[in-house]
Amino acid sequence: MSILKVNHVKKIYTTRFGKQRVNALEDVTFSVEKGEYVAIMGESGSGKTTLLNILAALDKATSGQVLLNGMDLSTIREKEIAAFRRENLGFVFQDFNLLDTFSLQDNIFLPLVLAGVKYDEMQKRLFPIARKLEIGNILSKYPYEVSGGQKQRTAVARALITNPKLILADEPTGALDSRSSDQLLGLFSDINAEGQTILMVTHSTKAASHAGRVLFIKDGQVYHQIYRGNLTNEELYQKISDTLTMIATGGGRYE
């Protein structure tokens, strides 16, 4: 069952005074099945960040359609967008997006507070997530008191606590050291194995090699894709590396 469908999405930006039109997305079509773990890769300027913003309902496509769990994002009224994001999407960002004046626990609780969830229910949801992410003993600390890896695990907890239909991750390992990156990618694999659907945008071949499928965006289109199948992380890493080389040198495209 497809939880996300992207149909012929195009995005055109017009520069100031309308002097120039930039096609950020040309014609993007793909779907994500429930429980999938998909990575999106592409060079800077390929359109992957624009695509992520559209999927997050932070921007609107010029044409085409995005369906999340059957709902057309373009039909959601402006005043309902924030609630829609809270109820359906979890976000993990490269720079964590934590509030320094809030404890880690309060940062995790924030989307539930905005949704009007009762405190007892928030605590009930938090305990198993904090245990899984190994942050139960630091919940009273503030972001500036913990490591980058702990901040990112807090951000993952915040994304998970709303029971989202889809987690959108934007370069989630970009600000982490190698050890913290490995821990986070292991967590993502565990979370996905439990049924959570994840869509991750990344420059990192290592991060993408943990996904079940990798989409490559070039010139605003899906240029190629790789399915994991029975490949190990190491074997998928090599296939991704070979594909990136092929794309950089103008090799054949996916149809």
C-alpha atoms as a PDB file:
ATOM      1  CA  MET A   1       0.000   0.000   0.000  1.00  0.00           C
ATOM      2  CA  SER A   2       1.455   3.382  -1.031  1.00  0.00           C
ATOM      3  CA  ILE A   3       1.512   5.857   1.842  1.00  0.00           C
ATOM      4  CA  LEU A   4       3.041   8.578  -0.351  1.00  0.00           C
ATOM      5  CA  LYS A   5       2.399   9.224  -4.041  1.00  0.00           C
ATOM      6  CA  VAL A   6       4.193  11.946  -5.983  1.00  0.00           C
ATOM      7  CA  ASN A   7       2.682  12.404  -9.450  1.00  0.00           C
ATOM      8  CA  HIS A   8       4.349  14.586 -12.118  1.00  0.00           C
ATOM      9  CA  VAL A   9       5.372  17.264  -9.631  1.00  0.00           C
ATOM     10  CA  LYS A  10       6.849  20.407 -11.138  1.00  0.00           C
ATOM     11  CA  LYS A  11       8.134  23.460  -9.300  1.00  0.00           C
ATOM     12  CA  ILE A  12       9.014  26.727 -11.017  1.00  0.00           C
ATOM     13  CA  TYR A  13      10.474  29.672  -9.138  1.00  0.00           C
ATOM     14  CA  THR A  14      10.274  33.141 -10.613  1.00  0.00           C
ATOM     15  CA  THR A  15      13.060  35.515  -9.640  1.00  0.00           C
ATOM     16  CA  ARG A  16      12.371  39.014  -8.385  1.00  0.00           C
ATOM     17  CA  PHE A  17      10.460  41.168 -10.877  1.00  0.00           C
ATOM     18  CA  GLY A  18       9.747  38.019 -12.908  1.00  0.00           C
ATOM     19  CA  LYS A  19      12.879  38.345 -15.010  1.00  0.00           C
ATOM     20  CA  GLN A  20      13.885  34.689 -14.825  1.00  0.00           C
ATOM     21  CA  ARG A  21      12.126  31.364 -14.302  1.00  0.00           C
ATOM     22  CA  VAL A  22      13.965  28.494 -12.614  1.00  0.00           C
ATOM     23  CA  ASN A  23      12.703  24.932 -12.962  1.00  0.00           C
ATOM     24  CA  ALA A  24      13.628  23.450  -9.560  1.00  0.00           C
ATOM     25  CA  LEU A  25      11.609  20.288 -10.269  1.00  0.00           C
ATOM     26  CA  GLU A  26      10.890  19.220 -13.819  1.00  0.00           C
ATOM     27  CA  ASP A  27       8.667  16.117 -13.608  1.00  0.00           C
ATOM     28  CA  VAL A  28       8.995  14.014 -10.455  1.00  0.00           C
ATOM     29  CA  THR A  29       6.973  10.824 -10.055  1.00  0.00           C
ATOM     30  CA  PHE A  30       7.475   8.091  -7.458  1.00  0.00           C
ATOM     31  CA  SER A  31       5.686   6.405  -4.585  1.00  0.00           C
ATOM     32  CA  VAL A  32       6.664   5.154  -1.135  1.00  0.00           C
ATOM     33  CA  GLU A  33       5.070   2.048   0.331  1.00  0.00           C
ATOM     34  CA  LYS A  34       4.024   1.831   3.961  1.00  0.00           C
ATOM     35  CA  GLY A  35       6.996   0.614   6.003  1.00  0.00           C
ATOM     36  CA  GLU A  36       9.597   1.516   3.370  1.00  0.00           C
ATOM     37  CA  TYR A  37      12.904   3.233   4.093  1.00  0.00           C
ATOM     38  CA  VAL A  38      13.782   5.427   1.108  1.00  0.00           C
ATOM     39  CA  ALA A  39      16.812   7.665   0.648  1.00  0.00           C
ATOM     40  CA  ILE A  40      16.917  10.509  -1.877  1.00  0.00           C
ATOM     41  CA  MET A  41      20.305  11.592  -3.201  1.00  0.00           C
ATOM     42  CA  GLY A  42      21.415  14.275  -5.617  1.00  0.00           C
ATOM     43  CA  GLU A  43      23.990  16.988  -6.118  1.00  0.00           C
ATOM     44  CA  SER A  44      23.428  20.471  -4.719  1.00  0.00           C
ATOM     45  CA  GLY A  45      20.888  22.201  -6.930  1.00  0.00           C
ATOM     46  CA  SER A  46      19.348  18.928  -8.129  1.00  0.00           C
ATOM     47  CA  GLY A  47      15.982  19.757  -6.555  1.00  0.00           C
ATOM     48  CA  LYS A  48      15.945  17.322  -3.632  1.00  0.00           C
ATOM     49  CA  THR A  49      15.534  20.024  -0.958  1.00  0.00           C
ATOM     50  CA  THR A  50      12.716  21.634  -2.943  1.00  0.00           C
ATOM     51  CA  LEU A  51      11.067  18.225  -3.178  1.00  0.00           C
ATOM     52  CA  LEU A  52      11.403  17.659   0.570  1.00  0.00           C
ATOM     53  CA  ASN A  53       9.814  21.059   1.297  1.00  0.00           C
ATOM     54  CA  ILE A  54       6.854  20.163  -0.911  1.00  0.00           C
ATOM     55  CA  LEU A  55       6.456  16.767   0.787  1.00  0.00           C
ATOM     56  CA  ALA A  56       6.564  18.543   4.162  1.00  0.00           C
ATOM     57  CA  ALA A  57       3.795  20.926   3.037  1.00  0.00           C
ATOM     58  CA  LEU A  58       6.218  23.824   3.540  1.00  0.00           C
ATOM     59  CA  ASP A  59       5.982  24.719  -0.152  1.00  0.00           C
ATOM     60  CA  LYS A  60       3.493  24.020  -2.937  1.00  0.00           C
ATOM     61  CA  ALA A  61       4.138  22.448  -6.299  1.00  0.00           C
ATOM     62  CA  THR A  62       3.529  24.537  -9.413  1.00  0.00           C
ATOM     63  CA  SER A  63       1.778  21.530 -10.919  1.00  0.00           C
ATOM     64  CA  GLY A  64       1.360  17.847 -10.207  1.00  0.00           C
ATOM     65  CA  GLN A  65       0.051  16.095  -7.138  1.00  0.00           C
ATOM     66  CA  VAL A  66       1.337  14.843  -3.774  1.00  0.00           C
ATOM     67  CA  LEU A  67      -0.853  12.388  -1.874  1.00  0.00           C
ATOM     68  CA  LEU A  68      -0.070  11.424   1.723  1.00  0.00           C
ATOM     69  CA  ASN A  69      -2.220   8.554   2.920  1.00  0.00           C
ATOM     70  CA  GLY A  70      -4.665   9.458   0.157  1.00  0.00           C
ATOM     71  CA  MET A  71      -4.896  13.165   1.000  1.00  0.00           C
ATOM     72  CA  ASP A  72      -3.913  15.689  -1.655  1.00  0.00           C
ATOM     73  CA  LEU A  73      -1.600  18.184   0.073  1.00  0.00           C
ATOM     74  CA  SER A  74      -2.662  20.986  -2.280  1.00  0.00           C
ATOM     75  CA  THR A  75      -6.227  20.830  -0.950  1.00  0.00           C
ATOM     76  CA  ILE A  76      -5.285  21.463   2.686  1.00  0.00           C
ATOM     77  CA  ARG A  77      -6.268  24.953   3.797  1.00  0.00           C
ATOM     78  CA  GLU A  78      -3.518  27.242   5.072  1.00  0.00           C
ATOM     79  CA  LYS A  79      -4.912  27.377   8.610  1.00  0.00           C
ATOM     80  CA  GLU A  80      -4.967  23.561   8.779  1.00  0.00           C
ATOM     81  CA  ILE A  81      -1.429  22.939   7.485  1.00  0.00           C
ATOM     82  CA  ALA A  82       0.341  23.088  10.876  1.00  0.00           C
ATOM     83  CA  ALA A  83      -2.089  20.606  12.430  1.00  0.00           C
ATOM     84  CA  PHE A  84      -1.749  18.328   9.395  1.00  0.00           C
ATOM     85  CA  ARG A  85       2.040  18.255   9.784  1.00  0.00           C
ATOM     86  CA  ARG A  86       1.806  17.478  13.513  1.00  0.00           C
ATOM     87  CA  GLU A  87      -0.664  14.638  12.957  1.00  0.00           C
ATOM     88  CA  ASN A  88       0.985  12.997   9.956  1.00  0.00           C
ATOM     89  CA  LEU A  89       4.675  13.897   9.706  1.00  0.00           C
ATOM     90  CA  GLY A  90       7.744  13.608  11.898  1.00  0.00           C
ATOM     91  CA  PHE A  91      10.806  15.736  11.100  1.00  0.00           C
ATOM     92  CA  VAL A  92      14.496  15.138  11.764  1.00  0.00           C
ATOM     93  CA  PHE A  93      16.780  17.991  10.690  1.00  0.00           C
ATOM     94  CA  GLN A  94      20.537  18.287  10.234  1.00  0.00           C
ATOM     95  CA  ASP A  95      20.751  21.133  12.777  1.00  0.00           C
ATOM     96  CA  PHE A  96      18.374  19.406  15.264  1.00  0.00           C
ATOM     97  CA  ASN A  97      15.985  22.427  15.566  1.00  0.00           C
ATOM     98  CA  LEU A  98      15.826  22.151  19.350  1.00  0.00           C
ATOM     99  CA  LEU A  99      14.913  25.102  21.574  1.00  0.00           C
ATOM    100  CA  ASP A 100      17.791  25.920  23.950  1.00  0.00           C
ATOM    101  CA  THR A 101      15.436  27.346  26.580  1.00  0.00           C
ATOM    102  CA  PHE A 102      13.518  24.041  26.780  1.00  0.00           C
ATOM    103  CA  SER A 103      14.759  20.839  28.431  1.00  0.00           C
ATOM    104  CA  LEU A 104      15.141  17.819  26.166  1.00  0.00           C
ATOM    105  CA  GLN A 105      11.889  16.440  27.553  1.00  0.00           C
ATOM    106  CA  ASP A 106      10.013  19.650  26.809  1.00  0.00           C
ATOM    107  CA  ASN A 107      11.469  19.736  23.286  1.00  0.00           C
ATOM    108  CA  ILE A 108      10.156  16.218  22.709  1.00  0.00           C
ATOM    109  CA  PHE A 109       6.760  17.116  24.165  1.00  0.00           C
ATOM    110  CA  LEU A 110       6.361  20.297  22.086  1.00  0.00           C
ATOM    111  CA  PRO A 111       4.302  18.858  19.162  1.00  0.00           C
ATOM    112  CA  LEU A 112       2.010  17.103  21.660  1.00  0.00           C
ATOM    113  CA  VAL A 113       1.568  20.287  23.685  1.00  0.00           C
ATOM    114  CA  LEU A 114       0.586  22.125  20.494  1.00  0.00           C
ATOM    115  CA  ALA A 115      -1.880  19.320  19.720  1.00  0.00           C
ATOM    116  CA  GLY A 116      -3.476  19.600  23.179  1.00  0.00           C
ATOM    117  CA  VAL A 117      -2.443  16.134  24.402  1.00  0.00           C
ATOM    118  CA  LYS A 118      -2.730  15.596  28.165  1.00  0.00           C
ATOM    119  CA  TYR A 119       0.466  15.378  30.230  1.00  0.00           C
ATOM    120  CA  ASP A 120      -0.192  11.806  31.425  1.00  0.00           C
ATOM    121  CA  GLU A 121      -0.484  10.660  27.810  1.00  0.00           C
ATOM    122  CA  MET A 122       2.708  12.495  26.882  1.00  0.00           C
ATOM    123  CA  GLN A 123       4.601  10.746  29.676  1.00  0.00           C
ATOM    124  CA  LYS A 124       3.157   7.384  28.641  1.00  0.00           C
ATOM    125  CA  ARG A 125       4.382   7.859  25.073  1.00  0.00           C
ATOM    126  CA  LEU A 126       7.783   9.184  26.109  1.00  0.00           C
ATOM    127  CA  PHE A 127       8.981   6.310  28.297  1.00  0.00           C
ATOM    128  CA  PRO A 128       9.389   3.567  25.642  1.00  0.00           C
ATOM    129  CA  ILE A 129      10.844   6.007  23.094  1.00  0.00           C
ATOM    130  CA  ALA A 130      13.386   7.446  25.555  1.00  0.00           C
ATOM    131  CA  ARG A 131      14.427   3.923  26.551  1.00  0.00           C
ATOM    132  CA  LYS A 132      14.876   2.860  22.919  1.00  0.00           C
ATOM    133  CA  LEU A 133      16.923   5.967  22.090  1.00  0.00           C
ATOM    134  CA  GLU A 134      18.919   5.763  25.343  1.00  0.00           C
ATOM    135  CA  ILE A 135      18.150   9.307  26.459  1.00  0.00           C
ATOM    136  CA  GLY A 136      16.040   8.540  29.533  1.00  0.00           C
ATOM    137  CA  ASN A 137      18.762   9.735  31.921  1.00  0.00           C
ATOM    138  CA  ILE A 138      19.304  13.121  30.241  1.00  0.00           C
ATOM    139  CA  LEU A 139      15.727  14.316  29.676  1.00  0.00           C
ATOM    140  CA  SER A 140      16.070  17.090  32.272  1.00  0.00           C
ATOM    141  CA  LYS A 141      19.163  18.518  30.555  1.00  0.00           C
ATOM    142  CA  TYR A 142      19.139  21.351  28.018  1.00  0.00           C
ATOM    143  CA  PRO A 143      20.387  21.082  24.405  1.00  0.00           C
ATOM    144  CA  TYR A 144      23.563  23.070  25.146  1.00  0.00           C
ATOM    145  CA  GLU A 145      24.470  20.519  27.865  1.00  0.00           C
ATOM    146  CA  VAL A 146      24.515  17.410  25.646  1.00  0.00           C
ATOM    147  CA  SER A 147      26.406  16.069  22.632  1.00  0.00           C
ATOM    148  CA  GLY A 148      25.385  16.315  18.994  1.00  0.00           C
ATOM    149  CA  GLY A 149      24.415  12.655  18.950  1.00  0.00           C
ATOM    150  CA  GLN A 150      22.206  13.116  22.008  1.00  0.00           C
ATOM    151  CA  LYS A 151      20.598  16.175  20.424  1.00  0.00           C
ATOM    152  CA  GLN A 152      19.804  14.201  17.282  1.00  0.00           C
ATOM    153  CA  ARG A 153      18.347  11.311  19.261  1.00  0.00           C
ATOM    154  CA  THR A 154      16.173  13.874  21.050  1.00  0.00           C
ATOM    155  CA  ALA A 155      15.043  15.163  17.650  1.00  0.00           C
ATOM    156  CA  VAL A 156      14.217  11.591  16.599  1.00  0.00           C
ATOM    157  CA  ALA A 157      12.202  11.143  19.799  1.00  0.00           C
ATOM    158  CA  ARG A 158      10.279  14.342  19.021  1.00  0.00           C
ATOM    159  CA  ALA A 159       9.551  12.994  15.529  1.00  0.00           C
ATOM    160  CA  LEU A 160       8.380   9.608  16.822  1.00  0.00           C
ATOM    161  CA  ILE A 161       6.218  10.737  19.745  1.00  0.00           C
ATOM    162  CA  THR A 162       3.370  11.881  17.487  1.00  0.00           C
ATOM    163  CA  ASN A 163       3.151   8.393  15.882  1.00  0.00           C
ATOM    164  CA  PRO A 164       3.639   9.885  12.399  1.00  0.00           C
ATOM    165  CA  LYS A 165       2.652   8.188   9.180  1.00  0.00           C
ATOM    166  CA  LEU A 166       5.930   9.340   7.631  1.00  0.00           C
ATOM    167  CA  ILE A 167       9.269  10.560   8.996  1.00  0.00           C
ATOM    168  CA  LEU A 168      11.056  13.090   6.794  1.00  0.00           C
ATOM    169  CA  ALA A 169      14.767  13.321   7.555  1.00  0.00           C
ATOM    170  CA  ASP A 170      16.884  16.110   6.042  1.00  0.00           C
ATOM    171  CA  GLU A 171      20.626  15.273   6.159  1.00  0.00           C
ATOM    172  CA  PRO A 172      20.168  13.713   9.629  1.00  0.00           C
ATOM    173  CA  THR A 173      23.850  12.706   9.963  1.00  0.00           C
ATOM    174  CA  GLY A 174      25.247  15.941   8.507  1.00  0.00           C
ATOM    175  CA  ALA A 175      26.231  17.507  11.838  1.00  0.00           C
ATOM    176  CA  LEU A 176      27.340  14.296  13.564  1.00  0.00           C
ATOM    177  CA  ASP A 177      30.695  12.620  14.029  1.00  0.00           C
ATOM    178  CA  SER A 178      31.265   9.115  12.657  1.00  0.00           C
ATOM    179  CA  ARG A 179      30.313   7.265  15.842  1.00  0.00           C
ATOM    180  CA  SER A 180      27.134   9.288  16.397  1.00  0.00           C
ATOM    181  CA  SER A 181      26.215   8.838  12.715  1.00  0.00           C
ATOM    182  CA  ASP A 182      26.554   5.069  13.023  1.00  0.00           C
ATOM    183  CA  GLN A 183      24.361   5.069  16.136  1.00  0.00           C
ATOM    184  CA  LEU A 184      21.687   7.190  14.470  1.00  0.00           C
ATOM    185  CA  LEU A 185      21.624   5.070  11.309  1.00  0.00           C
ATOM    186  CA  GLY A 186      21.321   1.952  13.437  1.00  0.00           C
ATOM    187  CA  LEU A 187      18.352   3.535  15.228  1.00  0.00           C
ATOM    188  CA  PHE A 188      16.714   4.437  11.935  1.00  0.00           C
ATOM    189  CA  SER A 189      17.079   0.823  10.770  1.00  0.00           C
ATOM    190  CA  ASP A 190      15.552  -0.443  14.028  1.00  0.00           C
ATOM    191  CA  ILE A 191      12.679   2.038  13.834  1.00  0.00           C
ATOM    192  CA  ASN A 192      12.018   1.082  10.224  1.00  0.00           C
ATOM    193  CA  ALA A 193      12.107  -2.631  11.113  1.00  0.00           C
ATOM    194  CA  GLU A 194       9.241  -1.931  13.523  1.00  0.00           C
ATOM    195  CA  GLY A 195       7.152  -0.550  10.652  1.00  0.00           C
ATOM    196  CA  GLN A 196       7.918   3.174  10.589  1.00  0.00           C
ATOM    197  CA  THR A 197       8.065   4.662   7.091  1.00  0.00           C
ATOM    198  CA  ILE A 198      11.120   6.885   6.566  1.00  0.00           C
ATOM    199  CA  LEU A 199      12.089   9.193   3.696  1.00  0.00           C
ATOM    200  CA  MET A 200      15.594  10.621   4.053  1.00  0.00           C
ATOM    201  CA  VAL A 201      17.373  13.241   1.952  1.00  0.00           C
ATOM    202  CA  THR A 202      21.137  12.876   2.191  1.00  0.00           C
ATOM    203  CA  HIS A 203      24.487  13.547   0.534  1.00  0.00           C
ATOM    204  CA  SER A 204      26.018  10.687   2.506  1.00  0.00           C
ATOM    205  CA  THR A 205      26.570   7.420   0.648  1.00  0.00           C
ATOM    206  CA  LYS A 206      26.974   5.708   4.005  1.00  0.00           C
ATOM    207  CA  ALA A 207      23.625   7.000   5.259  1.00  0.00           C
ATOM    208  CA  ALA A 208      21.865   6.026   2.030  1.00  0.00           C
ATOM    209  CA  SER A 209      23.357   2.509   2.203  1.00  0.00           C
ATOM    210  CA  HIS A 210      21.126   1.809   5.218  1.00  0.00           C
ATOM    211  CA  ALA A 211      17.924   2.428   3.228  1.00  0.00           C
ATOM    212  CA  GLY A 212      15.843  -0.139   1.385  1.00  0.00           C
ATOM    213  CA  ARG A 213      15.702   1.943  -1.792  1.00  0.00           C
ATOM    214  CA  VAL A 214      17.691   4.899  -3.089  1.00  0.00           C
ATOM    215  CA  LEU A 215      16.289   7.483  -5.511  1.00  0.00           C
ATOM    216  CA  PHE A 216      18.681   9.746  -7.403  1.00  0.00           C
ATOM    217  CA  ILE A 217      17.488  13.221  -8.411  1.00  0.00           C
ATOM    218  CA  LYS A 218      19.206  15.072 -11.241  1.00  0.00           C
ATOM    219  CA  ASP A 219      18.047  18.213 -13.047  1.00  0.00           C
ATOM    220  CA  GLY A 220      14.728  18.118 -11.203  1.00  0.00           C
ATOM    221  CA  GLN A 221      13.812  14.545 -12.154  1.00  0.00           C
ATOM    222  CA  VAL A 222      14.129  11.015 -10.799  1.00  0.00           C
ATOM    223  CA  TYR A 223      17.173   9.946 -12.779  1.00  0.00           C
ATOM    224  CA  HIS A 224      17.823   6.473 -11.377  1.00  0.00           C
ATOM    225  CA  GLN A 225      16.921   4.216  -8.458  1.00  0.00           C
ATOM    226  CA  ILE A 226      18.396   1.219  -6.654  1.00  0.00           C
ATOM    227  CA  TYR A 227      16.548  -1.420  -4.629  1.00  0.00           C
ATOM    228  CA  ARG A 228      18.440  -3.096  -1.798  1.00  0.00           C
ATOM    229  CA  GLY A 229      17.084  -6.583  -2.436  1.00  0.00           C
ATOM    230  CA  ASN A 230      19.482  -8.973  -0.690  1.00  0.00           C
ATOM    231  CA  LEU A 231      22.443  -6.584  -0.749  1.00  0.00           C
ATOM    232  CA  THR A 232      24.410  -5.924   2.426  1.00  0.00           C
ATOM    233  CA  ASN A 233      25.074  -2.351   3.499  1.00  0.00           C
ATOM    234  CA  GLU A 234      28.589  -2.652   2.066  1.00  0.00           C
ATOM    235  CA  GLU A 235      27.326  -3.960  -1.279  1.00  0.00           C
ATOM    236  CA  LEU A 236      24.646  -1.270  -1.476  1.00  0.00           C
ATOM    237  CA  TYR A 237      27.275   1.353  -0.607  1.00  0.00           C
ATOM    238  CA  GLN A 238      29.314   0.238  -3.615  1.00  0.00           C
ATOM    239  CA  LYS A 239      26.289   0.301  -5.937  1.00  0.00           C
ATOM    240  CA  ILE A 240      25.414   3.805  -4.765  1.00  0.00           C
ATOM    241  CA  SER A 241      29.004   4.957  -5.320  1.00  0.00           C
ATOM    242  CA  ASP A 242      29.014   3.475  -8.828  1.00  0.00           C
ATOM    243  CA  THR A 243      25.684   5.133  -9.611  1.00  0.00           C
ATOM    244  CA  LEU A 244      26.869   8.533  -8.401  1.00  0.00           C
ATOM    245  CA  THR A 245      29.903   8.183 -10.664  1.00  0.00           C
ATOM    246  CA  MET A 246      27.649   7.196 -13.567  1.00  0.00           C
ATOM    247  CA  ILE A 247      25.412  10.227 -12.998  1.00  0.00           C
ATOM    248  CA  ALA A 248      28.371  12.595 -12.686  1.00  0.00           C
ATOM    249  CA  THR A 249      29.777  11.336 -15.988  1.00  0.00           C
ATOM    250  CA  GLY A 250      26.442  11.445 -17.803  1.00  0.00           C
ATOM    251  CA  GLY A 251      25.584   7.742 -17.814  1.00  0.00           C
ATOM    252  CA  GLY A 252      22.226   6.184 -18.711  1.00  0.00           C
ATOM    253  CA  ARG A 253      19.136   7.195 -16.768  1.00  0.00           C
ATOM    254  CA  TYR A 254      16.430   5.208 -15.046  1.00  0.00           C
ATOM    255  CA  GLU A 255      13.095   4.807 -16.818  1.00  0.00           C
END
